[in-house]
Structure formats: structure tokens, C-alpha cells
Amino acid sequence: MREFIEYIAKQLVDTPSAVVVTEEEKEGKVVFKLKVGESDVGKIIGRKGRSAQAMRVLLSAVAAKNGKRAILEVVD
């Protein structure tokens, strides 16, 4: 799942080398923290949060298929 988020994020930003995805387990859920370059945060979030929400929906679908729950956080 981490590679999936990383792939999508790298396609959206101008500097793919700045994309870093970390994961940690909290209360039975997997929390993915996405960090991108300062100038690319807006591209990841999208207009009215649509891009970030779409990534969260896709991540939830992939996680559910694997029998897990996942959360995506965009770190400033």
C-alpha cells in the first residue's frame, strides 16, 4: 500500500524525489504519512481537497481488499 501512495504522489508533483511516505500502526489501523516538497503540497491536496480525498478513497479500497483499515495524512 505504501508503494501505491508513493506512485500516485510522484505522478502529481513537480519534484518526485521529495516524496516520502512513512507508515505506522495505531489502534489496529495503518497510518500513512505523506510528505512532499513545500511547493507541491497544494498539488497533493488539490482544489477543495479533492485530490487528497480521492487518494484516501483509493487507499481505503486497497486496504479493505487486504482486510485492513488505512488512513492517509498529508504532512506539511
Protein backbone atom coordinates (compact mmCIF):
# COMPACT_ATOMS: atom_id res chain seq x y z
CA MET A 1 0.00 0.00 0.00
CA ARG A 2 2.91 2.36 0.71
CA GLU A 3 4.21 1.92 -2.83
CA PHE A 4 0.73 2.65 -4.18
CA ILE A 5 0.53 6.01 -2.40
CA GLU A 6 4.10 6.84 -3.35
CA TYR A 7 3.40 6.14 -7.03
CA ILE A 8 0.28 8.33 -7.13
CA ALA A 9 2.00 11.19 -5.28
CA LYS A 10 5.04 11.12 -7.58
CA GLN A 11 2.76 11.43 -10.60
CA LEU A 12 1.10 14.57 -9.18
CA VAL A 13 4.12 16.62 -8.04
CA ASP A 14 6.86 18.54 -9.85
CA THR A 15 9.69 17.11 -7.70
CA PRO A 16 9.08 13.36 -7.29
CA SER A 17 12.37 12.91 -5.41
CA ALA A 18 10.92 14.88 -2.45
CA VAL A 19 8.04 12.42 -1.92
CA VAL A 20 8.39 10.45 1.32
CA VAL A 21 5.78 8.03 2.66
CA THR A 22 6.06 6.61 6.17
CA GLU A 23 3.72 4.15 7.80
CA GLU A 24 2.91 3.34 11.40
CA GLU A 25 0.41 1.13 13.17
CA LYS A 26 -2.08 2.85 15.51
CA GLU A 27 -5.02 1.18 17.22
CA GLY A 28 -5.41 -1.51 14.57
CA LYS A 29 -5.14 0.95 11.68
CA VAL A 30 -2.25 1.68 9.37
CA VAL A 31 -1.49 5.41 9.21
CA PHE A 32 0.40 6.60 6.14
CA LYS A 33 2.08 9.99 6.38
CA LEU A 34 2.79 11.64 3.04
CA LYS A 35 5.42 14.36 2.92
CA VAL A 36 6.17 16.29 -0.26
CA GLY A 37 8.13 19.40 -1.16
CA GLU A 38 6.75 22.68 0.17
CA SER A 39 5.75 23.90 -3.29
CA ASP A 40 3.92 20.64 -4.08
CA VAL A 41 1.59 20.46 -1.06
CA GLY A 42 -1.16 22.26 -2.96
CA LYS A 43 -0.96 19.79 -5.83
CA ILE A 44 -1.37 16.85 -3.47
CA ILE A 45 -4.31 18.41 -1.65
CA GLY A 46 -5.97 19.71 -4.82
CA ARG A 47 -8.79 22.15 -5.24
CA LYS A 48 -11.11 21.94 -2.22
CA GLY A 49 -9.21 18.82 -1.10
CA ARG A 50 -10.40 16.69 -3.99
CA SER A 51 -7.05 15.10 -4.88
CA ALA A 52 -6.29 14.16 -1.28
CA GLN A 53 -9.81 12.80 -0.82
CA ALA A 54 -9.51 10.71 -3.99
CA MET A 55 -6.21 9.26 -2.73
CA ARG A 56 -7.87 8.43 0.59
CA VAL A 57 -10.75 6.64 -1.15
CA LEU A 58 -8.35 4.58 -3.28
CA LEU A 59 -6.21 3.76 -0.24
CA SER A 60 -9.29 2.64 1.71
CA ALA A 61 -10.33 0.38 -1.15
CA VAL A 62 -6.88 -1.23 -1.41
CA ALA A 63 -6.68 -1.64 2.38
CA ALA A 64 -10.16 -3.18 2.58
CA LYS A 65 -9.19 -5.68 -0.10
CA ASN A 66 -6.29 -6.72 2.15
CA GLY A 67 -8.54 -6.84 5.22
CA LYS A 68 -7.07 -3.75 6.89
CA ARG A 69 -8.03 -0.14 7.65
CA ALA A 70 -5.79 2.66 6.44
CA ILE A 71 -5.60 6.42 6.92
CA LEU A 72 -3.68 8.97 4.83
CA GLU A 73 -2.27 12.12 6.39
CA VAL A 74 -0.60 14.85 4.35
CA VAL A 75 2.23 16.34 6.42
CA ASP A 76 3.16 19.99 5.88
